[in-house]
């Protein structure tokens, strides 16, 4: 009997240690604050930082997904101009920790962040319940991608194939115009800057397809619009877009 009790205690202790090892980890840091992450979660973000993330909440434009105020369904831009895409959405607004993480991803050796941030895009896609055939990351000009070493939109697409078995097409849409940075450009200037910037290399791959565009930030929507126009001209049936963050324009609704 004593032998049995000892074996039972040993088994219980072993099981307890296994549970602890599964839940509590050492040397894994929160990707936001770099503090020790005591409890595993798929985003690798501690509870405090998760609560402070700028989730895109409140009233949004039915079309572009921008944060808006007032009554109605569309923001001022979308009310007056029909968009070439079906819908655009983002899990976050472009501020606080998300703004910092995107900067780190693109410019500060933060490639390791992409698989975690990609999960938020997958969550948003599942929430929207769109039916798509293929994922297309918004392409960079080849020279810029070589200089950076990667395309952040492609990295942010990674979990779609892994978790949802959706194919990722990085070849059929390319950027042929090395557009200057758009950071300080107006909406009209951005649109003019991107005219004829994208080309579809294989129209057969686009014919009657429902496509999901992935990018890091939706500012004025000029990039998503130009990609959508080109894809629709090539025969795409529907184009949707998800970006990690959306810059708030704070427009009234109509």
Protein backbone atom coordinates (compact mmCIF):
# COMPACT_ATOMS: atom_id res chain seq x y z
CA UNK A 1 0.00 0.00 0.00
CA UNK A 2 2.82 2.42 0.92
CA UNK A 3 4.53 1.66 -2.38
CA UNK A 4 1.30 2.45 -4.24
CA UNK A 5 0.89 5.76 -2.38
CA UNK A 6 4.49 6.71 -3.16
CA UNK A 7 3.97 5.92 -6.84
CA UNK A 8 0.72 7.89 -6.83
CA UNK A 9 2.39 10.92 -5.22
CA UNK A 10 5.23 10.69 -7.71
CA UNK A 11 2.77 10.55 -10.60
CA UNK A 12 0.81 13.53 -9.25
CA UNK A 13 4.04 15.52 -8.80
CA UNK A 14 5.16 14.64 -12.32
CA UNK A 15 1.80 15.69 -13.74
CA UNK A 16 1.88 18.96 -11.77
CA UNK A 17 5.34 19.76 -13.09
CA UNK A 18 4.21 19.03 -16.63
CA UNK A 19 1.28 21.43 -16.23
CA UNK A 20 3.56 24.10 -14.79
CA UNK A 21 6.01 23.68 -17.64
CA UNK A 22 3.17 23.96 -20.12
CA UNK A 23 1.75 27.14 -18.61
CA UNK A 24 4.69 28.90 -17.03
CA UNK A 25 7.76 29.55 -19.11
CA UNK A 26 11.14 31.10 -18.53
CA UNK A 27 13.17 33.33 -20.80
CA UNK A 28 10.18 34.19 -23.01
CA UNK A 29 9.55 37.91 -23.18
CA UNK A 30 6.46 39.93 -23.97
CA UNK A 31 6.93 41.39 -27.46
CA UNK A 32 5.53 44.75 -26.27
CA UNK A 33 7.19 45.49 -22.91
CA UNK A 34 9.96 42.85 -23.00
CA UNK A 35 8.92 41.72 -19.53
CA UNK A 36 8.99 38.07 -18.57
CA UNK A 37 5.98 36.22 -19.90
CA UNK A 38 4.84 33.93 -17.11
CA UNK A 39 1.86 32.40 -18.89
CA UNK A 40 2.02 31.20 -22.48
CA UNK A 41 -0.33 32.70 -25.04
CA UNK A 42 -0.24 32.59 -28.80
CA UNK A 43 0.40 36.33 -29.18
CA UNK A 44 3.40 36.38 -26.82
CA UNK A 45 1.97 39.49 -25.14
CA UNK A 46 1.51 39.85 -21.39
CA UNK A 47 -1.94 40.48 -19.94
CA UNK A 48 -1.23 44.10 -19.01
CA UNK A 49 0.06 45.00 -22.47
CA UNK A 50 -2.81 43.15 -24.14
CA UNK A 51 -5.30 45.27 -22.22
CA UNK A 52 -3.55 48.44 -23.39
CA UNK A 53 -3.39 47.58 -27.09
CA UNK A 54 -5.28 50.07 -29.31
CA UNK A 55 -7.93 47.68 -30.61
CA UNK A 56 -10.03 49.24 -33.37
CA UNK A 57 -13.33 49.73 -31.58
CA UNK A 58 -16.40 51.91 -31.82
CA UNK A 59 -18.25 53.03 -34.93
CA UNK A 60 -16.51 52.37 -38.23
CA UNK A 61 -17.24 53.10 -41.87
CA UNK A 62 -19.00 50.13 -43.48
CA UNK A 63 -16.66 50.29 -46.48
CA UNK A 64 -13.13 51.35 -45.48
CA UNK A 65 -13.34 50.53 -41.77
CA UNK A 66 -12.18 53.95 -40.58
CA UNK A 67 -13.19 55.17 -37.12
CA UNK A 68 -16.01 57.67 -37.55
CA UNK A 69 -18.51 59.65 -35.52
CA UNK A 70 -22.18 60.48 -35.98
CA UNK A 71 -24.97 58.42 -37.52
CA UNK A 72 -25.00 56.68 -40.88
CA UNK A 73 -23.03 53.86 -42.47
CA UNK A 74 -20.24 55.49 -44.48
CA UNK A 75 -17.48 58.03 -43.89
CA UNK A 76 -17.32 61.19 -45.98
CA UNK A 77 -14.79 59.72 -48.44
CA UNK A 78 -16.66 56.46 -49.04
CA UNK A 79 -20.05 58.18 -49.32
CA UNK A 80 -18.85 60.24 -52.27
CA UNK A 81 -16.53 57.69 -53.88
CA UNK A 82 -17.38 54.03 -54.43
CA UNK A 83 -14.37 51.92 -53.51
CA UNK A 84 -12.87 49.33 -55.87
CA UNK A 85 -12.62 46.85 -52.99
CA UNK A 86 -15.50 45.24 -51.10
CA UNK A 87 -14.42 45.96 -47.52
CA UNK A 88 -11.28 46.92 -45.61
CA UNK A 89 -10.74 46.18 -41.93
CA UNK A 90 -8.01 46.37 -39.29
CA UNK A 91 -7.77 44.95 -35.76
CA UNK A 92 -5.93 48.05 -34.44
CA UNK A 93 -5.69 51.79 -34.79
CA UNK A 94 -2.25 53.08 -35.71
CA UNK A 95 -1.05 54.37 -32.36
CA UNK A 96 0.64 53.41 -29.09
CA UNK A 97 2.27 49.97 -28.92
CA UNK A 98 1.08 48.84 -32.35
CA UNK A 99 2.70 51.84 -34.04
CA UNK A 100 5.95 50.97 -32.26
CA UNK A 101 5.73 47.28 -33.17
CA UNK A 102 5.16 48.07 -36.84
CA UNK A 103 8.19 50.36 -36.85
CA UNK A 104 10.29 47.64 -35.20
CA UNK A 105 9.06 45.07 -37.70
CA UNK A 106 10.01 47.22 -40.69
CA UNK A 107 13.10 49.10 -39.59
CA UNK A 108 14.54 47.69 -36.38
CA UNK A 109 15.32 43.99 -36.87
CA UNK A 110 11.83 42.98 -35.80
CA UNK A 111 11.10 40.16 -38.26
CA UNK A 112 10.53 37.86 -35.29
CA UNK A 113 7.39 39.90 -34.48
CA UNK A 114 5.59 38.97 -37.71
CA UNK A 115 4.23 35.51 -36.77
CA UNK A 116 2.66 36.94 -33.60
CA UNK A 117 1.21 40.03 -35.27
CA UNK A 118 -0.07 37.90 -38.14
CA UNK A 119 -2.35 36.11 -35.68
CA UNK A 120 -4.31 39.32 -35.11
CA UNK A 121 -4.91 39.55 -38.86
CA UNK A 122 -6.14 35.96 -38.93
CA UNK A 123 -8.49 36.71 -36.02
CA UNK A 124 -9.92 39.71 -37.88
CA UNK A 125 -10.40 37.66 -41.04
CA UNK A 126 -12.23 34.90 -39.17
CA UNK A 127 -14.45 37.51 -37.48
CA UNK A 128 -15.42 39.03 -40.83
CA UNK A 129 -16.35 35.62 -42.27
CA UNK A 130 -15.29 36.52 -45.82
CA UNK A 131 -14.89 33.80 -48.42
CA UNK A 132 -11.60 34.20 -50.27
CA UNK A 133 -9.56 32.03 -52.61
CA UNK A 134 -6.10 33.48 -52.19
CA UNK A 135 -4.04 35.86 -50.06
CA UNK A 136 -1.96 38.55 -51.78
CA UNK A 137 0.48 40.61 -49.69
CA UNK A 138 0.80 44.17 -50.99
CA UNK A 139 4.15 44.09 -52.83
CA UNK A 140 7.13 46.36 -52.34
CA UNK A 141 9.23 47.66 -55.22
CA UNK A 142 11.93 45.04 -55.77
CA UNK A 143 14.77 47.43 -54.95
CA UNK A 144 13.19 48.45 -51.67
CA UNK A 145 12.50 44.84 -50.72
CA UNK A 146 16.11 43.87 -51.43
CA UNK A 147 17.37 46.76 -49.33
CA UNK A 148 15.08 45.88 -46.41
CA UNK A 149 15.57 42.17 -46.86
CA UNK A 150 11.87 41.30 -46.75
CA UNK A 151 8.35 42.49 -47.48
CA UNK A 152 6.55 43.11 -44.19
CA UNK A 153 3.15 42.42 -45.80
CA UNK A 154 4.35 38.97 -46.86
CA UNK A 155 5.57 38.26 -43.33
CA UNK A 156 2.22 39.35 -41.91
CA UNK A 157 0.49 36.88 -44.24
CA UNK A 158 2.40 33.89 -42.88
CA UNK A 159 -0.20 32.48 -40.48
CA UNK A 160 -3.03 32.40 -43.04
CA UNK A 161 -1.44 29.52 -44.90
CA UNK A 162 -0.39 27.73 -41.72
CA UNK A 163 -3.68 28.05 -39.80
CA UNK A 164 -6.33 28.34 -42.52
CA UNK A 165 -4.63 26.56 -45.44
CA UNK A 166 -5.21 29.60 -47.65
CA UNK A 167 -2.66 29.92 -50.46
CA UNK A 168 -0.42 32.99 -50.55
CA UNK A 169 0.40 34.42 -53.97
CA UNK A 170 3.51 36.62 -53.94
CA UNK A 171 4.09 36.54 -57.69
CA UNK A 172 0.94 37.62 -59.54
CA UNK A 173 0.87 41.22 -58.28
CA UNK A 174 4.10 43.20 -58.48
CA UNK A 175 5.13 46.79 -57.87
CA UNK A 176 6.83 48.27 -60.92
CA UNK A 177 7.09 51.89 -59.79
CA UNK A 178 9.53 52.93 -57.09
CA UNK A 179 7.23 55.43 -55.42
CA UNK A 180 8.75 57.91 -52.96
CA UNK A 181 7.72 57.64 -49.33
CA UNK A 182 4.11 58.65 -48.77
CA UNK A 183 4.40 59.60 -45.11
CA UNK A 184 3.79 63.32 -45.60
CA UNK A 185 1.61 63.20 -48.72
CA UNK A 186 -2.07 64.14 -48.84
CA UNK A 187 -4.73 61.67 -49.94
CA UNK A 188 -4.75 63.07 -53.49
CA UNK A 189 -0.94 63.10 -53.66
CA UNK A 190 -0.81 59.50 -52.46
CA UNK A 191 -3.27 58.43 -55.13
CA UNK A 192 -1.30 60.19 -57.88
CA UNK A 193 1.92 58.76 -56.48
CA UNK A 194 0.60 55.21 -56.86
CA UNK A 195 -0.91 55.51 -60.35
CA UNK A 196 0.43 52.65 -62.52
CA UNK A 197 2.56 51.45 -59.61
CA UNK A 198 1.19 47.87 -59.67
CA UNK A 199 0.93 45.27 -62.43
CA UNK A 200 -0.69 41.83 -62.56
CA UNK A 201 1.75 39.34 -64.09
CA UNK A 202 -0.66 36.42 -64.44
CA UNK A 203 -4.28 37.32 -65.20
CA UNK A 204 -5.35 33.66 -65.26
CA UNK A 205 -4.54 33.44 -61.55
CA UNK A 206 -6.91 36.35 -60.86
CA UNK A 207 -9.90 35.40 -63.02
CA UNK A 208 -13.11 35.13 -60.94
CA UNK A 209 -11.07 34.91 -57.74
CA UNK A 210 -11.94 36.43 -54.38
CA UNK A 211 -8.74 37.98 -53.08
CA UNK A 212 -7.61 39.14 -49.65
CA UNK A 213 -4.98 41.88 -49.65
CA UNK A 214 -2.70 42.09 -46.62
CA UNK A 215 -0.67 45.14 -45.58
CA UNK A 216 0.72 46.72 -42.44
CA UNK A 217 -1.04 50.11 -42.31
CA UNK A 218 -4.14 51.63 -43.92
CA UNK A 219 -3.56 55.40 -44.00
CA UNK A 220 -5.71 56.97 -46.71
CA UNK A 221 -6.40 53.69 -48.48
CA UNK A 222 -4.63 54.76 -51.68
CA UNK A 223 -2.43 51.65 -51.83
CA UNK A 224 -5.30 49.22 -51.25
CA UNK A 225 -7.43 51.08 -53.80
CA UNK A 226 -4.78 51.00 -56.51
CA UNK A 227 -4.09 47.29 -55.94
CA UNK A 228 -7.82 46.57 -56.05
CA UNK A 229 -8.29 48.47 -59.31
CA UNK A 230 -5.49 46.52 -60.98
CA UNK A 231 -6.75 43.18 -59.64
CA UNK A 232 -10.34 43.86 -60.74
CA UNK A 233 -9.14 44.83 -64.24
CA UNK A 234 -7.28 41.51 -64.35
CA UNK A 235 -10.51 39.64 -63.67
CA UNK A 236 -10.73 39.34 -59.89
CA UNK A 237 -14.31 38.89 -58.68
CA UNK A 238 -13.94 40.39 -55.19
CA UNK A 239 -11.15 42.13 -53.31
CA UNK A 240 -11.04 42.46 -49.53
CA UNK A 241 -8.31 43.99 -47.41
CA UNK A 242 -7.01 43.55 -43.88
CA UNK A 243 -4.22 45.68 -42.48
CA UNK A 244 -2.69 45.39 -39.05
CA UNK A 245 -3.58 49.00 -38.22
CA UNK A 246 -5.76 51.82 -39.50
CA UNK A 247 -4.85 55.50 -39.21
CA UNK A 248 -7.87 57.31 -37.75
CA UNK A 249 -9.20 60.10 -39.95
CA UNK A 250 -12.07 60.92 -37.52
CA UNK A 251 -14.53 61.68 -40.30
CA UNK A 252 -18.28 62.17 -39.81
CA UNK A 253 -20.70 59.46 -40.98
CA UNK A 254 -23.40 59.89 -43.61
